[in-house]
PDB file of N, CA and C in Angstrom:
ATOM      1  N   MET A   1       0.822  -1.200   0.000  1.00  0.00           N
ATOM      2  CA  MET A   1       0.000   0.000   0.000  1.00  0.00           C
ATOM      3  C   MET A   1       0.863   1.261   0.000  1.00  0.00           C
ATOM      4  N   ARG A   2       1.932   1.203   0.796  1.00  0.00           N
ATOM      5  CA  ARG A   2       2.816   2.354   0.902  1.00  0.00           C
ATOM      6  C   ARG A   2       3.555   2.616  -0.412  1.00  0.00           C
ATOM      7  N   SER A   3       3.939   1.532  -1.084  1.00  0.00           N
ATOM      8  CA  SER A   3       4.652   1.676  -2.350  1.00  0.00           C
ATOM      9  C   SER A   3       3.748   2.248  -3.435  1.00  0.00           C
ATOM     10  N   VAL A   4       2.454   1.943  -3.392  1.00  0.00           N
ATOM     11  CA  VAL A   4       1.506   2.498  -4.365  1.00  0.00           C
ATOM     12  C   VAL A   4       1.397   4.003  -4.179  1.00  0.00           C
ATOM     13  N   ARG A   5       1.345   4.445  -2.947  1.00  0.00           N
ATOM     14  CA  ARG A   5       1.285   5.890  -2.664  1.00  0.00           C
ATOM     15  C   ARG A   5       2.568   6.586  -3.115  1.00  0.00           C
ATOM     16  N   ARG A   6       3.690   5.936  -2.879  1.00  0.00           N
ATOM     17  CA  ARG A   6       4.974   6.503  -3.266  1.00  0.00           C
ATOM     18  C   ARG A   6       5.052   6.633  -4.793  1.00  0.00           C
ATOM     19  N   ILE A   7       4.618   5.601  -5.506  1.00  0.00           N
ATOM     20  CA  ILE A   7       4.619   5.635  -6.968  1.00  0.00           C
ATOM     21  C   ILE A   7       3.670   6.725  -7.475  1.00  0.00           C
ATOM     22  N   ALA A   8       2.501   6.837  -6.860  1.00  0.00           N
ATOM     23  CA  ALA A   8       1.542   7.873  -7.255  1.00  0.00           C
ATOM     24  C   ALA A   8       2.118   9.268  -7.021  1.00  0.00           C
ATOM     25  N   ALA A   9       2.816   9.446  -5.906  1.00  0.00           N
ATOM     26  CA  ALA A   9       3.427  10.750  -5.614  1.00  0.00           C
ATOM     27  C   ALA A   9       4.519  11.072  -6.621  1.00  0.00           C
ATOM     28  N   ILE A  10       5.325  10.097  -6.959  1.00  0.00           N
ATOM     29  CA  ILE A  10       6.395  10.306  -7.945  1.00  0.00           C
ATOM     30  C   ILE A  10       5.800  10.654  -9.305  1.00  0.00           C
ATOM     31  N   LEU A  11       4.760   9.935  -9.703  1.00  0.00           N
ATOM     32  CA  LEU A  11       4.101  10.227 -10.982  1.00  0.00           C
ATOM     33  C   LEU A  11       3.487  11.630 -10.983  1.00  0.00           C
ATOM     34  N   GLY A  12       2.914  12.033  -9.861  1.00  0.00           N
ATOM     35  CA  GLY A  12       2.358  13.383  -9.756  1.00  0.00           C
ATOM     36  C   GLY A  12       3.425  14.453  -9.908  1.00  0.00           C
ATOM     37  N   VAL A  13       4.561  14.244  -9.267  1.00  0.00           N
ATOM     38  CA  VAL A  13       5.673  15.202  -9.370  1.00  0.00           C
ATOM     39  C   VAL A  13       6.183  15.254 -10.805  1.00  0.00           C
ATOM     40  N   LEU A  14       6.328  14.106 -11.448  1.00  0.00           N
ATOM     41  CA  LEU A  14       6.778  14.070 -12.843  1.00  0.00           C
ATOM     42  C   LEU A  14       5.800  14.768 -13.770  1.00  0.00           C
ATOM     43  N   LEU A  15       4.508  14.594 -13.535  1.00  0.00           N
ATOM     44  CA  LEU A  15       3.490  15.259 -14.344  1.00  0.00           C
ATOM     45  C   LEU A  15       3.587  16.775 -14.192  1.00  0.00           C
ATOM     46  N   LEU A  16       3.694  17.246 -12.963  1.00  0.00           N
ATOM     47  CA  LEU A  16       3.828  18.687 -12.724  1.00  0.00           C
ATOM     48  C   LEU A  16       5.105  19.242 -13.352  1.00  0.00           C
ATOM     49  N   ALA A  17       6.188  18.496 -13.258  1.00  0.00           N
ATOM     50  CA  ALA A  17       7.448  18.937 -13.862  1.00  0.00           C
ATOM     51  C   ALA A  17       7.317  18.993 -15.380  1.00  0.00           C
ATOM     52  N   GLY A  18       6.611  18.032 -15.956  1.00  0.00           N
ATOM     53  CA  GLY A  18       6.407  18.028 -17.404  1.00  0.00           C
ATOM     54  C   GLY A  18       5.591  19.216 -17.867  1.00  0.00           C
ATOM     55  N   VAL A  19       4.523  19.515 -17.156  1.00  0.00           N
ATOM     56  CA  VAL A  19       3.691  20.674 -17.507  1.00  0.00           C
ATOM     57  C   VAL A  19       4.487  21.964 -17.350  1.00  0.00           C
ATOM     58  N   ALA A  20       5.264  22.070 -16.283  1.00  0.00           N
ATOM     59  CA  ALA A  20       6.090  23.263 -16.078  1.00  0.00           C
ATOM     60  C   ALA A  20       7.122  23.395 -17.194  1.00  0.00           C
ATOM     61  N   GLY A  21       7.705  22.292 -17.600  1.00  0.00           N
ATOM     62  CA  GLY A  21       8.672  22.324 -18.691  1.00  0.00           C
ATOM     63  C   GLY A  21       8.036  22.751 -20.003  1.00  0.00           C
ATOM     64  N   LEU A  22       6.846  22.236 -20.283  1.00  0.00           N
ATOM     65  CA  LEU A  22       6.131  22.651 -21.499  1.00  0.00           C
ATOM     66  C   LEU A  22       5.812  24.140 -21.456  1.00  0.00           C
ATOM     67  N   ARG A  23       5.393  24.623 -20.306  1.00  0.00           N
ATOM     68  CA  ARG A  23       5.066  26.041 -20.155  1.00  0.00           C
ATOM     69  C   ARG A  23       6.299  26.913 -20.393  1.00  0.00           C
ATOM     70  N   MET A  24       7.425  26.487 -19.871  1.00  0.00           N
ATOM     71  CA  MET A  24       8.649  27.275 -20.050  1.00  0.00           C
ATOM     72  C   MET A  24       9.099  27.256 -21.507  1.00  0.00           C
ATOM     73  N   ARG A  25       8.952  26.113 -22.161  1.00  0.00           N
ATOM     74  CA  ARG A  25       9.444  25.972 -23.537  1.00  0.00           C
ATOM     75  C   ARG A  25       8.512  26.618 -24.548  1.00  0.00           C
ATOM     76  N   PHE A  26       7.208  26.410 -24.388  1.00  0.00           N
ATOM     77  CA  PHE A  26       6.244  26.846 -25.400  1.00  0.00           C
ATOM     78  C   PHE A  26       5.256  27.894 -24.893  1.00  0.00           C
ATOM     79  N   GLY A  27       5.445  28.411 -23.683  1.00  0.00           N
ATOM     80  CA  GLY A  27       4.474  29.296 -23.062  1.00  0.00           C
ATOM     81  C   GLY A  27       4.131  30.536 -23.861  1.00  0.00           C
ATOM     82  N   GLU A  28       5.144  31.254 -24.358  1.00  0.00           N
ATOM     83  CA  GLU A  28       4.873  32.494 -25.096  1.00  0.00           C
ATOM     84  C   GLU A  28       4.162  32.209 -26.408  1.00  0.00           C
ATOM     85  N   GLN A  29       4.620  31.193 -27.131  1.00  0.00           N
ATOM     86  CA  GLN A  29       3.967  30.841 -28.398  1.00  0.00           C
ATOM     87  C   GLN A  29       2.539  30.384 -28.153  1.00  0.00           C
ATOM     88  N   ALA A  30       2.341  29.581 -27.109  1.00  0.00           N
ATOM     89  CA  ALA A  30       1.009  29.084 -26.798  1.00  0.00           C
ATOM     90  C   ALA A  30       0.076  30.228 -26.414  1.00  0.00           C
ATOM     91  N   ASP A  31       0.588  31.197 -25.660  1.00  0.00           N
ATOM     92  CA  ASP A  31      -0.208  32.345 -25.249  1.00  0.00           C
ATOM     93  C   ASP A  31      -0.634  33.179 -26.466  1.00  0.00           C
ATOM     94  N   ILE A  32       0.288  33.376 -27.392  1.00  0.00           N
ATOM     95  CA  ILE A  32      -0.027  34.121 -28.614  1.00  0.00           C
ATOM     96  C   ILE A  32      -1.060  33.361 -29.440  1.00  0.00           C
ATOM     97  N   GLY A  33      -0.857  32.052 -29.583  1.00  0.00           N
ATOM     98  CA  GLY A  33      -1.793  31.238 -30.358  1.00  0.00           C
ATOM     99  C   GLY A  33      -3.187  31.219 -29.746  1.00  0.00           C
ATOM    100  N   ALA A  34      -3.264  31.081 -28.425  1.00  0.00           N
ATOM    101  CA  ALA A  34      -4.563  31.081 -27.752  1.00  0.00           C
ATOM    102  C   ALA A  34      -5.250  32.435 -27.904  1.00  0.00           C
ATOM    103  N   GLY A  35      -4.494  33.524 -27.774  1.00  0.00           N
ATOM    104  CA  GLY A  35      -5.068  34.861 -27.945  1.00  0.00           C
ATOM    105  C   GLY A  35      -5.554  35.104 -29.358  1.00  0.00           C
ATOM    106  N   TYR A  36      -4.744  34.701 -30.332  1.00  0.00           N
ATOM    107  CA  TYR A  36      -5.135  34.864 -31.739  1.00  0.00           C
ATOM    108  C   TYR A  36      -6.392  34.059 -32.031  1.00  0.00           C
ATOM    109  N   GLY A  37      -6.424  32.816 -31.554  1.00  0.00           N
ATOM    110  CA  GLY A  37      -7.594  31.976 -31.792  1.00  0.00           C
ATOM    111  C   GLY A  37      -8.853  32.545 -31.160  1.00  0.00           C
ATOM    112  N   ALA A  38      -8.754  32.983 -29.912  1.00  0.00           N
ATOM    113  CA  ALA A  38      -9.917  33.538 -29.222  1.00  0.00           C
ATOM    114  C   ALA A  38     -10.429  34.793 -29.924  1.00  0.00           C
ATOM    115  N   LYS A  39      -9.529  35.700 -30.278  1.00  0.00           N
ATOM    116  CA  LYS A  39      -9.932  36.954 -30.933  1.00  0.00           C
ATOM    117  C   LYS A  39     -10.524  36.693 -32.311  1.00  0.00           C
ATOM    118  N   HIS A  40      -9.883  35.843 -33.098  1.00  0.00           N
ATOM    119  CA  HIS A  40     -10.387  35.537 -34.436  1.00  0.00           C
ATOM    120  C   HIS A  40     -11.777  34.916 -34.367  1.00  0.00           C
ATOM    121  N   LEU A  41     -11.934  33.920 -33.514  1.00  0.00           N
ATOM    122  CA  LEU A  41     -13.225  33.241 -33.423  1.00  0.00           C
ATOM    123  C   LEU A  41     -14.316  34.159 -32.898  1.00  0.00           C
ATOM    124  N   CYS A  42     -13.987  34.999 -31.935  1.00  0.00           N
ATOM    125  CA  CYS A  42     -14.968  35.949 -31.404  1.00  0.00           C
ATOM    126  C   CYS A  42     -15.434  36.897 -32.501  1.00  0.00           C
ATOM    127  N   SER A  43     -14.493  37.481 -33.230  1.00  0.00           N
ATOM    128  CA  SER A  43     -14.849  38.413 -34.305  1.00  0.00           C
ATOM    129  C   SER A  43     -15.616  37.720 -35.415  1.00  0.00           C
ATOM    130  N   CYS A  44     -15.196  36.524 -35.760  1.00  0.00           N
ATOM    131  CA  CYS A  44     -15.830  35.784 -36.848  1.00  0.00           C
ATOM    132  C   CYS A  44     -17.264  35.400 -36.491  1.00  0.00           C
ATOM    133  N   VAL A  45     -17.465  34.894 -35.269  1.00  0.00           N
ATOM    134  CA  VAL A  45     -18.798  34.430 -34.854  1.00  0.00           C
ATOM    135  C   VAL A  45     -19.722  35.601 -34.536  1.00  0.00           C
ATOM    136  N   PHE A  46     -19.270  36.550 -33.715  1.00  0.00           N
ATOM    137  CA  PHE A  46     -20.164  37.593 -33.216  1.00  0.00           C
ATOM    138  C   PHE A  46     -20.234  38.832 -34.103  1.00  0.00           C
ATOM    139  N   VAL A  47     -19.140  39.212 -34.745  1.00  0.00           N
ATOM    140  CA  VAL A  47     -19.146  40.402 -35.591  1.00  0.00           C
ATOM    141  C   VAL A  47     -19.585  40.042 -37.009  1.00  0.00           C
ATOM    142  N   ALA A  48     -18.945  39.012 -37.576  1.00  0.00           N
ATOM    143  CA  ALA A  48     -19.272  38.619 -38.949  1.00  0.00           C
ATOM    144  C   ALA A  48     -20.526  37.749 -39.016  1.00  0.00           C
ATOM    145  N   GLY A  49     -20.929  37.157 -37.903  1.00  0.00           N
ATOM    146  CA  GLY A  49     -22.143  36.350 -37.873  1.00  0.00           C
ATOM    147  C   GLY A  49     -22.015  35.002 -38.573  1.00  0.00           C
ATOM    148  N   ARG A  50     -20.786  34.480 -38.637  1.00  0.00           N
ATOM    149  CA  ARG A  50     -20.562  33.202 -39.312  1.00  0.00           C
ATOM    150  C   ARG A  50     -20.677  32.038 -38.337  1.00  0.00           C
ATOM    151  N   ASP A  51     -20.798  30.857 -38.888  1.00  0.00           N
ATOM    152  CA  ASP A  51     -20.893  29.630 -38.120  1.00  0.00           C
ATOM    153  C   ASP A  51     -19.547  29.324 -37.455  1.00  0.00           C
ATOM    154  N   TYR A  52     -19.576  28.826 -36.225  1.00  0.00           N
ATOM    155  CA  TYR A  52     -18.353  28.532 -35.479  1.00  0.00           C
ATOM    156  C   TYR A  52     -17.453  27.567 -36.246  1.00  0.00           C
ATOM    157  N   ASP A  53     -18.016  26.501 -36.785  1.00  0.00           N
ATOM    158  CA  ASP A  53     -17.190  25.506 -37.487  1.00  0.00           C
ATOM    159  C   ASP A  53     -16.489  26.111 -38.705  1.00  0.00           C
ATOM    160  N   ALA A  54     -17.186  26.974 -39.436  1.00  0.00           N
ATOM    161  CA  ALA A  54     -16.562  27.636 -40.589  1.00  0.00           C
ATOM    162  C   ALA A  54     -15.433  28.557 -40.118  1.00  0.00           C
ATOM    163  N   CYS A  55     -15.664  29.266 -39.022  1.00  0.00           N
ATOM    164  CA  CYS A  55     -14.626  30.150 -38.471  1.00  0.00           C
ATOM    165  C   CYS A  55     -13.432  29.346 -37.992  1.00  0.00           C
ATOM    166  N   ARG A  56     -13.683  28.219 -37.381  1.00  0.00           N
ATOM    167  CA  ARG A  56     -12.607  27.360 -36.885  1.00  0.00           C
ATOM    168  C   ARG A  56     -11.738  26.863 -38.044  1.00  0.00           C
ATOM    169  N   ARG A  57     -12.362  26.506 -39.166  1.00  0.00           N
ATOM    170  CA  ARG A  57     -11.606  26.052 -40.338  1.00  0.00           C
ATOM    171  C   ARG A  57     -10.726  27.165 -40.904  1.00  0.00           C
ATOM    172  N   ASP A  58     -11.108  28.421 -40.728  1.00  0.00           N
ATOM    173  CA  ASP A  58     -10.291  29.545 -41.195  1.00  0.00           C
ATOM    174  C   ASP A  58      -8.915  29.576 -40.534  1.00  0.00           C
ATOM    175  N   LEU A  59      -8.809  29.047 -39.331  1.00  0.00           N
ATOM    176  CA  LEU A  59      -7.556  29.120 -38.581  1.00  0.00           C
ATOM    177  C   LEU A  59      -6.445  28.266 -39.187  1.00  0.00           C
ATOM    178  N   GLY A  60      -6.779  27.219 -39.885  1.00  0.00           N
ATOM    179  CA  GLY A  60      -5.768  26.391 -40.528  1.00  0.00           C
ATOM    180  C   GLY A  60      -5.191  25.326 -39.619  1.00  0.00           C
ATOM    181  N   PRO A  61      -4.463  24.377 -40.205  1.00  0.00           N
ATOM    182  CA  PRO A  61      -3.957  23.233 -39.437  1.00  0.00           C
ATOM    183  C   PRO A  61      -2.900  23.581 -38.393  1.00  0.00           C
ATOM    184  N   GLU A  62      -2.180  24.680 -38.570  1.00  0.00           N
ATOM    185  CA  GLU A  62      -1.169  25.046 -37.571  1.00  0.00           C
ATOM    186  C   GLU A  62      -1.788  25.445 -36.239  1.00  0.00           C
ATOM    187  N   MET A  63      -3.087  25.724 -36.240  1.00  0.00           N
ATOM    188  CA  MET A  63      -3.779  26.102 -35.009  1.00  0.00           C
ATOM    189  C   MET A  63      -4.535  24.932 -34.385  1.00  0.00           C
ATOM    190  N   ASP A  64      -4.331  23.713 -34.895  1.00  0.00           N
ATOM    191  CA  ASP A  64      -5.012  22.539 -34.351  1.00  0.00           C
ATOM    192  C   ASP A  64      -4.761  22.313 -32.860  1.00  0.00           C
ATOM    193  N   PRO A  65      -3.555  22.615 -32.321  1.00  0.00           N
ATOM    194  CA  PRO A  65      -3.359  22.424 -30.877  1.00  0.00           C
ATOM    195  C   PRO A  65      -4.211  23.357 -30.011  1.00  0.00           C
ATOM    196  N   VAL A  66      -4.701  24.447 -30.582  1.00  0.00           N
ATOM    197  CA  VAL A  66      -5.518  25.398 -29.820  1.00  0.00           C
ATOM    198  C   VAL A  66      -6.956  24.905 -29.791  1.00  0.00           C
ATOM    199  N   LYS A  67      -7.465  24.657 -28.606  1.00  0.00           N
ATOM    200  CA  LYS A  67      -8.852  24.234 -28.415  1.00  0.00           C
ATOM    201  C   LYS A  67      -9.666  25.469 -28.068  1.00  0.00           C
ATOM    202  N   SER A  68     -10.962  25.446 -28.374  1.00  0.00           N
ATOM    203  CA  SER A  68     -11.783  26.631 -28.115  1.00  0.00           C
ATOM    204  C   SER A  68     -13.236  26.252 -27.885  1.00  0.00           C
ATOM    205  N   THR A  69     -13.931  27.187 -27.248  1.00  0.00           N
ATOM    206  CA  THR A  69     -15.356  27.019 -27.017  1.00  0.00           C
ATOM    207  C   THR A  69     -16.019  28.395 -26.955  1.00  0.00           C
ATOM    208  N   VAL A  70     -17.276  28.446 -27.360  1.00  0.00           N
ATOM    209  CA  VAL A  70     -18.068  29.679 -27.291  1.00  0.00           C
ATOM    210  C   VAL A  70     -19.034  29.544 -26.124  1.00  0.00           C
ATOM    211  N   LEU A  71     -19.003  30.501 -25.213  1.00  0.00           N
ATOM    212  CA  LEU A  71     -19.894  30.521 -24.054  1.00  0.00           C
ATOM    213  C   LEU A  71     -20.542  31.890 -23.958  1.00  0.00           C
ATOM    214  N   GLY A  72     -21.815  31.958 -24.298  1.00  0.00           N
ATOM    215  CA  GLY A  72     -22.514  33.242 -24.271  1.00  0.00           C
ATOM    216  C   GLY A  72     -21.911  34.206 -25.263  1.00  0.00           C
ATOM    217  N   ASP A  73     -21.378  35.334 -24.765  1.00  0.00           N
ATOM    218  CA  ASP A  73     -20.766  36.346 -25.638  1.00  0.00           C
ATOM    219  C   ASP A  73     -19.241  36.304 -25.571  1.00  0.00           C
ATOM    220  N   THR A  74     -18.690  35.175 -25.133  1.00  0.00           N
ATOM    221  CA  THR A  74     -17.244  35.034 -25.034  1.00  0.00           C
ATOM    222  C   THR A  74     -16.754  33.807 -25.792  1.00  0.00           C
ATOM    223  N   VAL A  75     -15.495  33.875 -26.161  1.00  0.00           N
ATOM    224  CA  VAL A  75     -14.808  32.715 -26.730  1.00  0.00           C
ATOM    225  C   VAL A  75     -13.597  32.456 -25.862  1.00  0.00           C
ATOM    226  N   GLU A  76     -13.466  31.228 -25.399  1.00  0.00           N
ATOM    227  CA  GLU A  76     -12.300  30.829 -24.627  1.00  0.00           C
ATOM    228  C   GLU A  76     -11.459  29.908 -25.490  1.00  0.00           C
ATOM    229  N   ALA A  77     -10.170  30.186 -25.578  1.00  0.00           N
ATOM    230  CA  ALA A  77      -9.244  29.348 -26.332  1.00  0.00           C
ATOM    231  C   ALA A  77      -8.077  28.987 -25.425  1.00  0.00           C
ATOM    232  N   TRP A  78      -7.606  27.755 -25.535  1.00  0.00           N
ATOM    233  CA  TRP A  78      -6.529  27.298 -24.689  1.00  0.00           C
ATOM    234  C   TRP A  78      -5.682  26.271 -25.418  1.00  0.00           C
ATOM    235  N   VAL A  79      -4.467  26.111 -24.908  1.00  0.00           N
ATOM    236  CA  VAL A  79      -3.549  25.094 -25.416  1.00  0.00           C
ATOM    237  C   VAL A  79      -3.332  24.101 -24.281  1.00  0.00           C
ATOM    238  N   PRO A  80      -3.839  22.884 -24.433  1.00  0.00           N
ATOM    239  CA  PRO A  80      -3.629  21.887 -23.375  1.00  0.00           C
ATOM    240  C   PRO A  80      -2.198  21.377 -23.395  1.00  0.00           C
ATOM    241  N   PRO A  81      -1.669  20.837 -22.389  1.00  0.00           N
ATOM    242  CA  PRO A  81      -2.249  20.711 -21.052  1.00  0.00           C
ATOM    243  C   PRO A  81      -1.851  21.897 -20.182  1.00  0.00           C
ATOM    244  N   LEU A  82      -2.765  22.776 -19.926  1.00  0.00           N
ATOM    245  CA  LEU A  82      -2.572  23.910 -19.018  1.00  0.00           C
ATOM    246  C   LEU A  82      -1.407  24.821 -19.385  1.00  0.00           C
ATOM    247  N   ILE A  83      -1.098  24.923 -20.675  1.00  0.00           N
ATOM    248  CA  ILE A  83       0.035  25.763 -21.071  1.00  0.00           C
ATOM    249  C   ILE A  83      -0.396  27.215 -21.197  1.00  0.00           C
ATOM    250  N   ALA A  84      -1.537  27.466 -21.827  1.00  0.00           N
ATOM    251  CA  ALA A  84      -1.980  28.849 -22.019  1.00  0.00           C
ATOM    252  C   ALA A  84      -3.477  28.876 -22.255  1.00  0.00           C
ATOM    253  N   GLY A  85      -4.081  29.984 -21.942  1.00  0.00           N
ATOM    254  CA  GLY A  85      -5.507  30.175 -22.195  1.00  0.00           C
ATOM    255  C   GLY A  85      -5.843  31.655 -22.268  1.00  0.00           C
ATOM    256  N   ARG A  86      -6.738  32.011 -23.178  1.00  0.00           N
ATOM    257  CA  ARG A  86      -7.157  33.410 -23.327  1.00  0.00           C
ATOM    258  C   ARG A  86      -8.665  33.452 -23.554  1.00  0.00           C
ATOM    259  N   ILE A  87      -9.264  34.585 -23.237  1.00  0.00           N
ATOM    260  CA  ILE A  87     -10.699  34.810 -23.435  1.00  0.00           C
ATOM    261  C   ILE A  87     -10.887  36.088 -24.229  1.00  0.00           C
ATOM    262  N   ALA A  88     -11.756  36.026 -25.230  1.00  0.00           N
ATOM    263  CA  ALA A  88     -12.158  37.215 -25.989  1.00  0.00           C
ATOM    264  C   ALA A  88     -13.644  37.421 -25.753  1.00  0.00           C
ATOM    265  N   ARG A  89     -14.029  38.652 -25.465  1.00  0.00           N
ATOM    266  CA  ARG A  89     -15.430  38.968 -25.159  1.00  0.00           C
ATOM    267  C   ARG A  89     -15.977  39.937 -26.203  1.00  0.00           C
ATOM    268  N   PHE A  90     -17.215  39.673 -26.636  1.00  0.00           N
ATOM    269  CA  PHE A  90     -17.893  40.538 -27.594  1.00  0.00           C
ATOM    270  C   PHE A  90     -18.604  41.660 -26.848  1.00  0.00           C
ATOM    271  N   HIS A  91     -18.429  42.892 -27.340  1.00  0.00           N
ATOM    272  CA  HIS A  91     -19.102  44.071 -26.801  1.00  0.00           C
ATOM    273  C   HIS A  91     -19.909  44.708 -27.922  1.00  0.00           C
ATOM    274  N   GLU A  92     -21.180  44.817 -27.754  1.00  0.00           N
ATOM    275  CA  GLU A  92     -22.050  45.395 -28.773  1.00  0.00           C
ATOM    276  C   GLU A  92     -21.572  46.781 -29.162  1.00  0.00           C
ATOM    277  N   GLY A  93     -21.407  46.996 -30.455  1.00  0.00           N
ATOM    278  CA  GLY A  93     -21.016  48.295 -30.965  1.00  0.00           C
ATOM    279  C   GLY A  93     -19.512  48.509 -31.104  1.00  0.00           C
ATOM    280  N   THR A  94     -18.726  47.711 -30.344  1.00  0.00           N
ATOM    281  CA  THR A  94     -17.275  47.898 -30.426  1.00  0.00           C
ATOM    282  C   THR A  94     -16.529  46.636 -30.846  1.00  0.00           C
ATOM    283  N   GLY A  95     -17.175  45.499 -30.882  1.00  0.00           N
ATOM    284  CA  GLY A  95     -16.527  44.266 -31.332  1.00  0.00           C
ATOM    285  C   GLY A  95     -15.946  43.458 -30.192  1.00  0.00           C
ATOM    286  N   CYS A  96     -14.906  42.697 -30.488  1.00  0.00           N
ATOM    287  CA  CYS A  96     -14.309  41.769 -29.543  1.00  0.00           C
ATOM    288  C   CYS A  96     -12.985  42.294 -28.999  1.00  0.00           C
ATOM    289  N   THR A  97     -12.768  42.035 -27.725  1.00  0.00           N
ATOM    290  CA  THR A  97     -11.488  42.379 -27.102  1.00  0.00           C
ATOM    291  C   THR A  97     -10.999  41.206 -26.281  1.00  0.00           C
ATOM    292  N   LEU A  98      -9.674  41.087 -26.184  1.00  0.00           N
ATOM    293  CA  LEU A  98      -9.088  40.054 -25.338  1.00  0.00           C
ATOM    294  C   LEU A  98      -9.097  40.529 -23.884  1.00  0.00           C
ATOM    295  N   GLU A  99      -9.342  39.619 -22.995  1.00  0.00           N
ATOM    296  CA  GLU A  99      -9.285  39.930 -21.565  1.00  0.00           C
ATOM    297  C   GLU A  99      -7.973  39.501 -20.990  1.00  0.00           C
TER     298      GLU A  99
END
């Protein structure tokens, strides 16, 4: 029983170290990609009035690692696992802005 806990703790530490390493290596690029994706999708869906799937296809294959969702008047985009995330919000009359 004790060895199972020890193995679980070691795996948890390795997972956290891996995520931290990914963040250090790709954090800035991931942040830019998440922001670009959120802003583009927000403007495309809420300003241009296009379908989400059509807007998503506009981003191209290089943006496949960026995941996104539309919630109310916002678009949230993120790069898993926990590397970066951004939110763009639609404001009537002025368009979309990143938060």
